[in-house]
Each structure stands twice: as C-alpha cells, then as structure tokens.
Amino acid sequence: MPDKTYEPVSVEDLMTSPLFQDESPEAVAWIAQQMHMRRLDAGEVLWNQGEVVTEFQLVLEGELHYRRDDDPYAQFIVGTAGHPTGVLPFSRMKNATGRVWAVVPTRLAAMEASHLRELVYRAPLVAQRLVSQMTDRTREVTRMEEGSSRLQALGKLAAGLAHELNNPASAAVRSSALLRDVLKERRKAAVALHGVVIPDGVRESMTRMIESIEECLSTPGDMDALERADLESDLSDWLDNAGLPSSLASNLVDARITLEALKPLPAAVPLEPLSNFLKLIVADHQTLCLTRELEEASRRISELVQAVKQYSYMDQSPVSEVDVEQGIDLTLRMFQHQLKHGFTVNRKLASNLPKVHANGSALNQIWTNLIDNAIDAMEGMPAGQPKILTVRTCVEPEGILVEIGDNGPGIPPEVQSRIFDPFFTTKGVGEGTGLGLDIVRRIVRSHRGTILVDSDPGRTVFQVRLPLNPA
C-alpha cells in the first residue's frame, strides 16, 4: 500500500458522491474531518492480494481495477468516481481478496476503519447506502468467483476429454495413412496379375484363400508367442526356398494362411504372379484390419461425444426425471483420464434407484465437485498407498442417498464446520476458489435435499440426500 499523504477532504468533495445525498450537513462535515486525501498514479497499487486492509475509501476521481491474482479466469471489477471500497460498515473483511490498482491518476478519500462504528450513528443514511453497496459487492464477487469456479471445473473436464479423444483420433489418423499406403500396394499387385492365366482348380483354391481373409476378424490371438514364431519361421524358410519374398511370412501368418495351403501353388503358378498374389492377400488382410481399427476409433469418439451430451443434458429440458446413477457413471467417465493413474473406484450402486425430478446438469455438477475434491485429497498420498474412491447409492424411505468418499488424509476437525462457507478453501494459493462446496450445497438445497460430511484421517464421506418429491 502506498504511503499515506494527509491532505484534507472537503465537504464539497464528498457531496459529489450519491452516498452523501440527503444526509445532514453536520454528519457530512464530521465524515470529512475524519478523512484524508490519497492520490495514486496510473498503475500504482492500492492493495496487493492478502494485505491487511484498515481503511474505508471513496473514489473521488479516476478509476480503480480489482482482480484476484490466483485466478486466471477472474474478471475485472471496476471502481469509478463515487465508488466506495476497502472496509465497509459491518464488513468482516480483514485482508484484501484481490489486487487493486489505479489505471489513471486517481484521488481517494480515506478513513480509518476504527471510525466506521461512529459513522453508523452520526450518518445513518450513508451507513445504510454503504451496507447496500457491500451487499452488491459481495453478490458481484460471489457471481464472479462462481463463474470462475465453474470455468476451472470445465477446464479440468475439457483437458481430460481432450486426452481421451486424442487416443482414438490419433489411431484414426494413423490407420488412415497406413490404409492409403496399403491400397496403393494392393493396386500395384492387382494390375500385375491382370491377364495372368491360372488353371481353374488353382484359381478356386486362391479364391478360397482370399475369402478366408474376409472372415478373419483380427490378428490371431489363440496361439502363444512360441507357436507363432515356429509358424513364421517355417513359412519364411519355405518362401525363401521357393524363390518368393520371405518378408511376407509374418503378414501371411497374421492372415492365417497356412503352409499346407501354399505348397501346391508354385507348381501351377509362375513365381512372379504368385508373388503378386501373396502381396494381394497381405494387402487385403491389412485393409480389413485397418478399416476395423478406423471403425473402433470412430466408435470410441462417438461414445465420448455421446457421454458429454448426456452429462450436460444437452437438448433436454432443465428439469426432468433424472437417473442419478447414470449421471454418476457419466461423471466418473469424465474423470477417467485421472482415475486410471493409480486410483481404484469402488462402486456400490443400488441399481434400483427411482428417478428424481431434478435438473440433471446441476446434479452432475454436484458429483463433479465432490469427485474432484476426493481426487485432490488423495493426490498427495505416499507412493504405493492405495487411493480408493468410493461411490455408494441406496434408497431411503423419503428419497435417495448418494455417498462419495475417499481414503485421503481427511478434513481437520477445526475446519469441518467451515468447508461449505463461500471462499473458504484448504487448497494452496491458485488451486481453488473456495466456492466448489458452496455451489454444491446451494444446488442440493435448491432440490430440497441435504448434504453432510463425516471425516476422519483415512476416511472422508460426503452424504447427499435427495427427496423423491421435492415439492
């Protein structure tokens, strides 16, 4: 905070603000006597985030900006002439929640917070307007932080989805490139075979070989490595002795072309056409495998997109009959990229839950925040120690119960009563806004439900109860 420069503030300075309209001249004069002028240059910082705030201040001229340094998604809050800032009457603020700086040369009227109690009695109209300003400021900051919290959660999910989509998308690109090369080689082999005269009996045998490839679903997996190595070695030796490319042996084994089926061919078909025929068989098998890989990659991408649509309840009414367990499954899928690295998910789903009349997207936000917190709680556990996420559902007489728990270090007893408070967080600077559980509680309450937490070292469980009939 800049050094204080004591310069008197006049009644005329204060009367430029709507705060002092209709207030008694004596009260405004008393306030002016308790205030001093503060001047800031453009770019000068009034408070840094975390600094102790001891003054009530009023912008007389210029412009202030406010922003949290630890939140990349935070928006600016702007204060112009007539805007109060700092400590307000009945405010519990002790430290600056963000950085405040002047963007143009700015004049402020400042008063020590110790005078605010007397101000409430001497200038009740000013105090009333300041309390209204404080309410508006709290609402604006809460709205901004809530949006930021949702963006952070969305960013995590987007990063996970990008990771999950990257694998099948990369596989599709790779298979497409290989398929193009294989089709080019097949075209060459087919052109070389054009016009070659092959006896009818041998042609039928070769046709059966090609048809058998179309029935082959994948690379043979019913033989062990030693058996495969023996088949490939025998086939390679035979191709080499017959004057055919021995490099085709591995692919012919993949296509399940046996040595017994090939042995009669060199006596009936010249070597060059026979070599092209074998290349044609290999290309057909590779084409079949690559198209199946493309189909599988496309199916995986389609499933992920469909999961996102269901998770967000896209194209559905905000309030509908919601399958809670389906929402939990979809949320777990959104976190798959994190959970597959050292986490165990213990599902104890009742599978007979009745549907609830609710906002499905909002319920999924509950599961998202609770699962995200559980994962964060277990991240710092010692290497080798199991990390177990437990999800349980059951039917109760008046509704359903969802429990989400972890075996992390637990929530310290001294802060358990505060974890649902807005802006309270046990995470490090820049790792949380302190609104995740506040958002969860408000969503639960909007559905006429309840949320409780039970935590000890090695066990933390959040219990969400939702009524079957919210009315």
Protein backbone atom coordinates (compact mmCIF):
# COMPACT_ATOMS: atom_id res chain seq x y z
CA MET A 1 0.00 0.00 0.00
CA PRO A 2 1.37 3.48 -0.80
CA ASP A 3 2.42 5.84 1.97
CA LYS A 4 -0.35 7.93 3.48
CA THR A 5 -0.36 11.58 2.47
CA TYR A 6 -2.55 13.59 4.82
CA GLU A 7 -4.40 16.18 2.80
CA PRO A 8 -7.78 17.45 3.93
CA VAL A 9 -11.00 16.32 2.28
CA SER A 10 -13.71 18.94 1.82
CA VAL A 11 -17.44 18.59 2.18
CA GLU A 12 -17.70 19.59 -1.48
CA ASP A 13 -15.50 16.62 -2.43
CA LEU A 14 -17.83 14.21 -0.63
CA MET A 15 -21.07 15.74 -1.94
CA THR A 16 -20.09 14.74 -5.48
CA SER A 17 -20.96 11.15 -4.47
CA PRO A 18 -24.60 9.93 -4.27
CA LEU A 19 -23.69 8.32 -0.94
CA PHE A 20 -24.00 11.64 0.88
CA GLN A 21 -27.16 12.98 -0.71
CA ASP A 22 -29.91 13.81 1.81
CA GLU A 23 -27.53 13.28 4.73
CA SER A 24 -27.33 16.06 7.32
CA PRO A 25 -24.62 18.72 6.77
CA GLU A 26 -23.28 18.07 10.25
CA ALA A 27 -22.80 14.36 9.53
CA VAL A 28 -21.07 15.00 6.20
CA ALA A 29 -18.81 17.59 7.85
CA TRP A 30 -17.88 15.09 10.57
CA ILE A 31 -17.05 12.45 7.96
CA ALA A 32 -14.90 14.94 6.01
CA GLN A 33 -12.95 15.71 9.21
CA GLN A 34 -12.13 12.01 9.71
CA MET A 35 -10.92 11.52 6.11
CA HIS A 36 -7.69 12.35 4.32
CA MET A 37 -6.84 12.51 0.63
CA ARG A 38 -4.95 9.72 -1.06
CA ARG A 39 -3.53 10.19 -4.57
CA LEU A 40 -2.44 7.32 -6.83
CA ASP A 41 -0.54 7.47 -10.09
CA ALA A 42 -1.60 5.38 -13.08
CA GLY A 43 -0.52 1.79 -12.45
CA GLU A 44 0.08 2.33 -8.73
CA VAL A 45 -1.19 -0.50 -6.50
CA LEU A 46 -3.54 0.36 -3.65
CA TRP A 47 -3.53 -3.15 -2.13
CA ASN A 48 -1.93 -6.42 -3.04
CA GLN A 49 -3.87 -9.63 -2.52
CA GLY A 50 -3.61 -10.78 1.08
CA GLU A 51 -2.56 -7.42 2.55
CA VAL A 52 -4.31 -6.15 5.67
CA VAL A 53 -6.97 -3.54 4.84
CA THR A 54 -7.55 -0.90 7.53
CA GLU A 55 -9.40 1.88 5.70
CA PHE A 56 -12.72 2.78 4.18
CA GLN A 57 -12.10 4.64 0.92
CA LEU A 58 -14.15 6.53 -1.61
CA VAL A 59 -13.08 7.15 -5.21
CA LEU A 60 -13.37 10.90 -5.84
CA GLU A 61 -11.76 10.96 -9.25
CA GLY A 62 -10.15 8.38 -11.54
CA GLU A 63 -10.60 4.62 -11.83
CA LEU A 64 -9.60 1.53 -9.84
CA HIS A 65 -9.47 -2.09 -11.04
CA TYR A 66 -9.76 -5.20 -8.86
CA ARG A 67 -8.68 -8.71 -9.73
CA ARG A 68 -7.63 -11.92 -7.95
CA ASP A 69 -4.03 -12.80 -8.78
CA ASP A 70 -4.54 -16.52 -8.16
CA ASP A 71 -7.44 -16.93 -10.57
CA PRO A 72 -6.67 -16.83 -14.32
CA TYR A 73 -10.40 -16.87 -15.12
CA ALA A 74 -11.32 -13.92 -12.88
CA GLN A 75 -12.94 -10.86 -14.39
CA PHE A 76 -12.10 -7.27 -13.54
CA ILE A 77 -14.24 -5.26 -11.15
CA VAL A 78 -14.05 -1.56 -11.91
CA GLY A 79 -14.47 1.30 -9.43
CA THR A 80 -15.02 4.82 -10.72
CA ALA A 81 -15.88 8.18 -9.13
CA GLY A 82 -18.36 7.76 -6.27
CA HIS A 83 -17.46 4.08 -5.76
CA PRO A 84 -16.70 3.03 -2.13
CA THR A 85 -14.05 0.41 -1.46
CA GLY A 86 -11.98 -1.00 1.37
CA VAL A 87 -13.59 -1.80 4.73
CA LEU A 88 -17.33 -1.01 4.87
CA PRO A 89 -19.63 -0.87 7.91
CA PHE A 90 -20.37 -4.32 9.35
CA SER A 91 -17.90 -5.89 6.92
CA ARG A 92 -15.80 -8.79 8.20
CA MET A 93 -13.09 -8.24 5.61
CA LYS A 94 -9.60 -8.02 7.09
CA ASN A 95 -7.38 -8.85 4.14
CA ALA A 96 -7.59 -7.84 0.50
CA THR A 97 -9.12 -10.68 -1.52
CA GLY A 98 -7.50 -9.38 -4.70
CA ARG A 99 -5.15 -6.77 -6.11
CA VAL A 100 -6.46 -3.19 -6.52
CA TRP A 101 -4.66 -0.66 -8.67
CA ALA A 102 -5.25 2.68 -10.38
CA VAL A 103 -5.44 2.70 -14.16
CA VAL A 104 -5.44 6.51 -14.39
CA PRO A 105 -4.38 9.21 -11.89
CA THR A 106 -6.85 8.71 -9.04
CA ARG A 107 -7.95 10.62 -5.91
CA LEU A 108 -9.35 8.77 -2.92
CA ALA A 109 -10.90 9.95 0.32
CA ALA A 110 -9.75 7.55 3.05
CA MET A 111 -10.97 6.95 6.62
CA GLU A 112 -9.58 4.62 9.26
CA ALA A 113 -11.92 1.67 9.77
CA SER A 114 -12.00 2.41 13.51
CA HIS A 115 -14.28 5.40 12.78
CA LEU A 116 -16.94 3.32 11.00
CA ARG A 117 -18.80 2.41 14.19
CA GLU A 118 -19.35 6.08 14.98
CA LEU A 119 -20.21 6.80 11.34
CA VAL A 120 -23.16 4.41 11.59
CA TYR A 121 -24.69 6.58 14.35
CA ARG A 122 -23.74 10.01 13.02
CA ALA A 123 -24.69 9.34 9.37
CA PRO A 124 -27.33 6.56 9.23
CA LEU A 125 -28.26 7.27 5.60
CA VAL A 126 -24.63 6.94 4.50
CA ALA A 127 -24.27 3.77 6.57
CA GLN A 128 -27.39 2.29 5.01
CA ARG A 129 -26.13 3.00 1.48
CA LEU A 130 -22.71 1.58 2.32
CA VAL A 131 -24.30 -1.63 3.61
CA SER A 132 -26.27 -1.83 0.36
CA GLN A 133 -23.03 -1.30 -1.56
CA MET A 134 -21.37 -4.05 0.49
CA THR A 135 -24.22 -6.42 -0.34
CA ASP A 136 -23.92 -5.60 -4.03
CA ARG A 137 -20.15 -6.04 -3.89
CA THR A 138 -20.45 -9.41 -2.16
CA ARG A 139 -23.03 -10.54 -4.71
CA GLU A 140 -20.84 -9.41 -7.61
CA VAL A 141 -17.70 -11.06 -6.24
CA THR A 142 -19.64 -14.25 -5.49
CA ARG A 143 -21.08 -14.32 -9.00
CA MET A 144 -17.63 -13.74 -10.48
CA GLU A 145 -16.00 -16.42 -8.32
CA GLU A 146 -18.80 -18.89 -9.01
CA GLY A 147 -18.34 -18.42 -12.74
CA SER A 148 -14.60 -18.78 -12.30
CA SER A 149 -15.04 -21.97 -10.28
CA ARG A 150 -17.24 -23.45 -12.98
CA LEU A 151 -14.73 -22.49 -15.65
CA GLN A 152 -11.94 -24.19 -13.69
CA ALA A 153 -14.03 -27.35 -13.39
CA LEU A 154 -14.88 -27.13 -17.07
CA GLY A 155 -11.19 -26.67 -17.87
CA LYS A 156 -10.31 -29.85 -15.99
CA LEU A 157 -13.02 -31.83 -17.75
CA ALA A 158 -12.05 -30.37 -21.12
CA ALA A 159 -8.41 -31.34 -20.57
CA GLY A 160 -9.45 -34.87 -19.67
CA LEU A 161 -11.75 -35.19 -22.64
CA ALA A 162 -9.05 -33.84 -24.95
CA HIS A 163 -6.73 -36.53 -23.62
CA GLU A 164 -9.34 -39.26 -24.04
CA LEU A 165 -10.29 -38.09 -27.55
CA ASN A 166 -6.67 -37.79 -28.61
CA ASN A 167 -6.04 -41.54 -28.44
CA PRO A 168 -8.81 -42.69 -30.82
CA ALA A 169 -8.33 -39.63 -33.03
CA SER A 170 -4.61 -40.36 -33.36
CA ALA A 171 -5.37 -44.00 -34.07
CA ALA A 172 -7.81 -42.98 -36.80
CA VAL A 173 -5.23 -40.68 -38.42
CA ARG A 174 -2.53 -43.35 -38.25
CA SER A 175 -4.81 -46.06 -39.65
CA SER A 176 -5.96 -43.80 -42.47
CA ALA A 177 -2.38 -43.08 -43.52
CA LEU A 178 -1.46 -46.78 -43.42
CA LEU A 179 -4.63 -47.70 -45.30
CA ARG A 180 -3.72 -45.31 -48.10
CA ASP A 181 -0.28 -46.97 -48.46
CA VAL A 182 -1.76 -50.48 -48.33
CA LEU A 183 -4.33 -49.69 -51.02
CA LYS A 184 -1.55 -48.31 -53.22
CA GLU A 185 0.40 -51.58 -52.90
CA ARG A 186 -2.73 -53.65 -53.50
CA ARG A 187 -3.45 -51.72 -56.68
CA LYS A 188 0.05 -52.47 -57.97
CA ALA A 189 -0.34 -56.20 -57.23
CA ALA A 190 -3.79 -56.33 -58.84
CA VAL A 191 -2.54 -54.62 -62.02
CA ALA A 192 0.39 -57.04 -62.25
CA LEU A 193 -1.99 -60.00 -62.01
CA HIS A 194 -4.26 -58.73 -64.76
CA GLY A 195 -4.34 -61.12 -67.72
CA VAL A 196 -2.41 -63.93 -65.97
CA VAL A 197 -3.88 -67.32 -66.91
CA ILE A 198 -4.39 -69.56 -63.86
CA PRO A 199 -5.83 -73.09 -64.02
CA ASP A 200 -9.43 -73.37 -62.81
CA GLY A 201 -8.66 -75.66 -59.87
CA VAL A 202 -5.86 -73.44 -58.61
CA ARG A 203 -7.99 -70.31 -59.14
CA GLU A 204 -10.68 -71.82 -56.89
CA SER A 205 -8.07 -72.56 -54.23
CA MET A 206 -6.72 -68.99 -54.41
CA THR A 207 -10.27 -67.58 -54.23
CA ARG A 208 -10.95 -69.56 -51.06
CA MET A 209 -7.78 -68.08 -49.53
CA ILE A 210 -8.99 -64.54 -50.26
CA GLU A 211 -12.47 -65.31 -48.91
CA SER A 212 -10.99 -66.76 -45.72
CA ILE A 213 -9.30 -63.40 -45.07
CA GLU A 214 -12.67 -61.62 -45.12
CA GLU A 215 -13.77 -63.87 -42.26
CA CYS A 216 -10.66 -63.06 -40.21
CA LEU A 217 -11.66 -60.56 -37.54
CA SER A 218 -8.22 -59.71 -36.20
CA THR A 219 -4.67 -60.88 -35.75
CA PRO A 220 -4.73 -64.44 -34.37
CA GLY A 221 -4.73 -64.35 -30.61
CA ASP A 222 -5.33 -68.03 -29.96
CA MET A 223 -1.67 -69.02 -30.35
CA ASP A 224 1.20 -68.33 -27.99
CA ALA A 225 4.36 -66.50 -28.99
CA LEU A 226 6.40 -69.69 -29.39
CA GLU A 227 3.83 -71.31 -31.69
CA ARG A 228 3.61 -68.18 -33.80
CA ALA A 229 7.39 -67.92 -34.05
CA ASP A 230 7.57 -71.53 -35.28
CA LEU A 231 4.90 -70.95 -37.95
CA GLU A 232 6.58 -67.78 -39.14
CA SER A 233 10.00 -69.47 -39.29
CA ASP A 234 8.69 -72.45 -41.26
CA LEU A 235 6.79 -70.22 -43.69
CA SER A 236 9.78 -67.90 -44.15
CA ASP A 237 12.08 -70.83 -44.97
CA TRP A 238 9.58 -72.23 -47.47
CA LEU A 239 9.09 -68.86 -49.22
CA ASP A 240 12.84 -68.36 -49.43
CA ASN A 241 13.42 -71.85 -50.90
CA ALA A 242 10.55 -71.31 -53.38
CA GLY A 243 12.07 -68.04 -54.59
CA LEU A 244 9.26 -65.94 -53.07
CA PRO A 245 9.64 -62.88 -50.75
CA SER A 246 10.26 -64.27 -47.25
CA SER A 247 9.33 -60.83 -45.83
CA LEU A 248 5.67 -61.77 -46.38
CA ALA A 249 5.83 -64.60 -43.80
CA SER A 250 4.75 -62.57 -40.76
CA ASN A 251 1.79 -60.98 -42.55
CA LEU A 252 0.70 -64.32 -44.02
CA VAL A 253 0.66 -65.83 -40.52
CA ASP A 254 -1.46 -62.87 -39.38
CA ALA A 255 -3.85 -63.62 -42.26
CA ARG A 256 -3.94 -67.28 -41.17
CA ILE A 257 -2.63 -68.55 -44.48
CA THR A 258 -1.10 -71.96 -43.79
CA LEU A 259 1.94 -73.55 -45.36
CA GLU A 260 -0.17 -76.52 -46.45
CA ALA A 261 -2.44 -74.23 -48.49
CA LEU A 262 0.53 -72.60 -50.23
CA LYS A 263 2.63 -75.63 -51.10
CA PRO A 264 0.64 -76.68 -54.25
CA LEU A 265 0.75 -73.20 -55.81
CA PRO A 266 4.37 -72.92 -57.16
CA ALA A 267 3.77 -75.95 -59.43
CA ALA A 268 0.73 -74.30 -61.08
CA VAL A 269 1.50 -70.56 -60.99
CA PRO A 270 4.67 -68.76 -62.17
CA LEU A 271 6.74 -67.17 -59.40
CA GLU A 272 6.11 -63.52 -60.30
CA PRO A 273 2.28 -63.81 -60.48
CA LEU A 274 2.36 -65.96 -57.32
CA SER A 275 4.41 -63.30 -55.53
CA ASN A 276 1.87 -60.62 -56.54
CA PHE A 277 -0.97 -62.89 -55.41
CA LEU A 278 0.61 -63.25 -51.96
CA LYS A 279 1.05 -59.46 -51.79
CA LEU A 280 -2.63 -59.13 -52.70
CA ILE A 281 -3.61 -61.45 -49.84
CA VAL A 282 -1.45 -59.48 -47.38
CA ALA A 283 -2.91 -56.15 -48.59
CA ASP A 284 -6.48 -57.47 -48.25
CA HIS A 285 -5.81 -58.61 -44.70
CA GLN A 286 -4.18 -55.31 -43.74
CA THR A 287 -7.07 -53.39 -45.31
CA LEU A 288 -9.53 -55.41 -43.26
CA CYS A 289 -7.61 -54.80 -40.03
CA LEU A 290 -7.13 -51.07 -40.68
CA THR A 291 -10.79 -50.50 -41.51
CA ARG A 292 -11.74 -52.27 -38.30
CA GLU A 293 -9.32 -50.02 -36.39
CA LEU A 294 -10.92 -46.98 -38.01
CA GLU A 295 -14.35 -48.29 -37.03
CA GLU A 296 -13.25 -48.83 -33.43
CA ALA A 297 -11.62 -45.38 -33.18
CA SER A 298 -14.72 -43.71 -34.64
CA ARG A 299 -16.96 -45.64 -32.27
CA ARG A 300 -14.84 -44.56 -29.29
CA ILE A 301 -15.03 -40.91 -30.35
CA SER A 302 -18.77 -41.20 -30.86
CA GLU A 303 -19.21 -42.74 -27.39
CA LEU A 304 -17.23 -39.92 -25.76
CA VAL A 305 -19.26 -37.27 -27.57
CA GLN A 306 -22.47 -39.01 -26.57
CA ALA A 307 -21.26 -39.19 -22.96
CA VAL A 308 -20.61 -35.44 -22.95
CA LYS A 309 -24.10 -34.76 -24.36
CA GLN A 310 -25.68 -36.95 -21.70
CA TYR A 311 -23.51 -35.46 -18.94
CA SER A 312 -24.52 -31.91 -19.87
CA TYR A 313 -28.15 -32.89 -20.60
CA MET A 314 -27.86 -31.20 -23.97
CA ASP A 315 -31.15 -30.94 -25.87
CA GLN A 316 -33.13 -31.80 -22.73
CA SER A 317 -35.36 -29.67 -20.54
CA PRO A 318 -33.64 -28.20 -17.43
CA VAL A 319 -35.90 -30.15 -15.05
CA SER A 320 -36.85 -33.74 -15.85
CA GLU A 321 -36.89 -37.26 -14.44
CA VAL A 322 -33.21 -37.95 -13.77
CA ASP A 323 -31.43 -41.29 -13.42
CA VAL A 324 -28.92 -40.38 -10.70
CA GLU A 325 -26.74 -43.47 -11.12
CA GLN A 326 -26.41 -42.84 -14.85
CA GLY A 327 -25.27 -39.30 -14.04
CA ILE A 328 -22.68 -40.65 -11.60
CA ASP A 329 -21.40 -43.12 -14.21
CA LEU A 330 -21.09 -40.35 -16.80
CA THR A 331 -19.27 -38.12 -14.32
CA LEU A 332 -16.81 -40.90 -13.50
CA ARG A 333 -16.20 -41.29 -17.23
CA MET A 334 -15.35 -37.58 -17.41
CA PHE A 335 -12.63 -38.21 -14.82
CA GLN A 336 -11.36 -41.40 -16.45
CA HIS A 337 -8.10 -39.76 -17.53
CA GLN A 338 -7.25 -39.08 -13.86
CA LEU A 339 -8.71 -42.18 -12.24
CA LYS A 340 -6.76 -44.62 -14.41
CA HIS A 341 -3.48 -43.43 -12.89
CA GLY A 342 -3.24 -45.16 -9.51
CA PHE A 343 -6.85 -44.85 -8.35
CA THR A 344 -9.34 -47.60 -7.54
CA VAL A 345 -13.05 -46.84 -7.92
CA ASN A 346 -15.19 -48.85 -5.53
CA ARG A 347 -18.76 -48.74 -6.90
CA LYS A 348 -21.59 -49.77 -4.60
CA LEU A 349 -24.55 -48.70 -6.69
CA ALA A 350 -28.02 -49.91 -5.71
CA SER A 351 -29.07 -50.27 -9.38
CA ASN A 352 -32.73 -49.90 -8.36
CA LEU A 353 -32.84 -46.18 -7.60
CA PRO A 354 -36.06 -44.45 -8.59
CA LYS A 355 -35.65 -41.41 -10.81
CA VAL A 356 -35.80 -37.99 -9.16
CA HIS A 357 -37.43 -34.84 -10.52
CA ALA A 358 -34.39 -32.57 -10.83
CA ASN A 359 -32.04 -30.57 -13.00
CA GLY A 360 -29.76 -33.30 -14.30
CA SER A 361 -26.95 -30.97 -15.32
CA ALA A 362 -26.94 -29.37 -11.85
CA LEU A 363 -26.84 -32.78 -10.14
CA ASN A 364 -23.88 -33.76 -12.31
CA GLN A 365 -22.13 -30.61 -11.09
CA ILE A 366 -22.55 -31.93 -7.54
CA TRP A 367 -20.91 -35.25 -8.41
CA THR A 368 -18.21 -33.43 -10.40
CA ASN A 369 -17.18 -31.19 -7.49
CA LEU A 370 -17.28 -33.97 -4.89
CA ILE A 371 -15.29 -36.42 -7.04
CA ASP A 372 -12.81 -33.71 -7.99
CA ASN A 373 -12.27 -32.86 -4.30
CA ALA A 374 -11.82 -36.54 -3.44
CA ILE A 375 -9.20 -36.97 -6.17
CA ASP A 376 -7.36 -33.84 -4.98
CA ALA A 377 -7.43 -35.11 -1.39
CA MET A 378 -5.75 -38.37 -2.42
CA GLU A 379 -3.19 -36.85 -4.82
CA GLY A 380 -0.64 -36.19 -2.08
CA MET A 381 -0.76 -39.68 -0.54
CA PRO A 382 2.54 -41.58 -0.31
CA ALA A 383 3.57 -43.65 -3.33
CA GLY A 384 2.37 -47.22 -3.11
CA GLN A 385 -0.52 -46.43 -0.78
CA PRO A 386 -3.84 -47.37 -2.41
CA LYS A 387 -6.09 -44.48 -3.43
CA ILE A 388 -9.69 -45.59 -3.19
CA LEU A 389 -12.66 -43.55 -4.38
CA THR A 390 -15.93 -44.99 -3.08
CA VAL A 391 -19.32 -44.22 -4.59
CA ARG A 392 -22.44 -45.69 -2.94
CA THR A 393 -26.15 -45.23 -3.55
CA CYS A 394 -29.21 -46.55 -1.77
CA VAL A 395 -32.95 -45.97 -1.42
CA GLU A 396 -34.27 -44.41 1.78
CA PRO A 397 -37.88 -44.03 2.94
CA GLU A 398 -38.26 -40.48 1.62
CA GLY A 399 -35.60 -40.28 -1.04
CA ILE A 400 -32.22 -41.49 -2.21
CA LEU A 401 -28.75 -41.31 -0.65
CA VAL A 402 -25.51 -40.79 -2.57
CA GLU A 403 -22.20 -41.17 -0.74
CA ILE A 404 -18.88 -40.13 -2.26
CA GLY A 405 -15.84 -40.92 -0.15
CA ASP A 406 -12.07 -41.22 -0.25
CA ASN A 407 -9.32 -42.66 1.93
CA GLY A 408 -7.25 -39.48 1.92
CA PRO A 409 -5.85 -37.63 4.95
CA GLY A 410 -9.27 -36.30 5.99
CA ILE A 411 -10.54 -32.83 6.83
CA PRO A 412 -9.10 -31.33 10.04
CA PRO A 413 -11.80 -31.14 12.76
CA GLU A 414 -11.22 -27.41 13.29
CA VAL A 415 -12.25 -26.56 9.71
CA GLN A 416 -15.04 -29.09 9.11
CA SER A 417 -17.69 -26.56 10.15
CA ARG A 418 -16.41 -24.05 7.59
CA ILE A 419 -15.90 -26.13 4.44
CA PHE A 420 -19.26 -25.07 2.98
CA ASP A 421 -18.59 -21.36 3.60
CA PRO A 422 -18.09 -19.24 0.46
CA PHE A 423 -14.42 -18.58 -0.40
CA PHE A 424 -13.13 -20.96 2.28
CA THR A 425 -10.60 -23.44 0.92
CA THR A 426 -7.91 -25.70 2.33
CA LYS A 427 -6.12 -25.85 -1.01
CA GLY A 428 -2.97 -23.89 -1.81
CA VAL A 429 -2.95 -20.48 -3.43
CA GLY A 430 -4.19 -20.70 -7.01
CA GLU A 431 -5.61 -24.21 -6.56
CA GLY A 432 -9.15 -23.36 -5.54
CA THR A 433 -11.61 -20.51 -5.22
CA GLY A 434 -13.38 -21.85 -2.14
CA LEU A 435 -16.75 -21.97 -3.90
CA GLY A 436 -16.96 -25.62 -5.01
CA LEU A 437 -18.69 -26.92 -1.89
CA ASP A 438 -20.74 -23.74 -1.54
CA ILE A 439 -22.08 -24.35 -5.05
CA VAL A 440 -22.76 -27.99 -4.17
CA ARG A 441 -24.71 -27.03 -1.05
CA ARG A 442 -26.79 -24.44 -2.90
CA ILE A 443 -27.66 -26.95 -5.66
CA VAL A 444 -28.61 -29.58 -3.05
CA ARG A 445 -30.77 -27.07 -1.20
CA SER A 446 -32.45 -25.94 -4.42
CA HIS A 447 -33.56 -29.57 -4.81
CA ARG A 448 -34.83 -29.62 -1.19
CA GLY A 449 -32.04 -32.02 -0.25
CA THR A 450 -29.32 -32.11 2.42
CA ILE A 451 -25.56 -32.62 2.40
CA LEU A 452 -23.42 -33.78 5.32
CA VAL A 453 -19.76 -34.66 5.72
CA ASP A 454 -18.13 -37.21 8.00
CA SER A 455 -14.34 -37.13 8.06
CA ASP A 456 -11.51 -38.76 9.97
CA PRO A 457 -7.90 -39.44 8.93
CA GLY A 458 -8.09 -42.05 6.17
CA ARG A 459 -11.81 -41.65 5.58
CA THR A 460 -13.95 -38.77 4.28
CA VAL A 461 -17.54 -39.28 3.15
CA PHE A 462 -19.96 -36.71 1.74
CA GLN A 463 -23.62 -37.74 2.01
CA VAL A 464 -26.14 -36.18 -0.38
CA ARG A 465 -29.82 -36.90 0.22
CA LEU A 466 -32.36 -36.01 -2.44
CA PRO A 467 -36.12 -36.30 -1.92
CA LEU A 468 -38.20 -38.23 -4.41
CA ASN A 469 -40.81 -35.47 -4.31
CA PRO A 470 -39.06 -32.06 -3.97
CA ALA A 471 -42.42 -30.32 -3.54
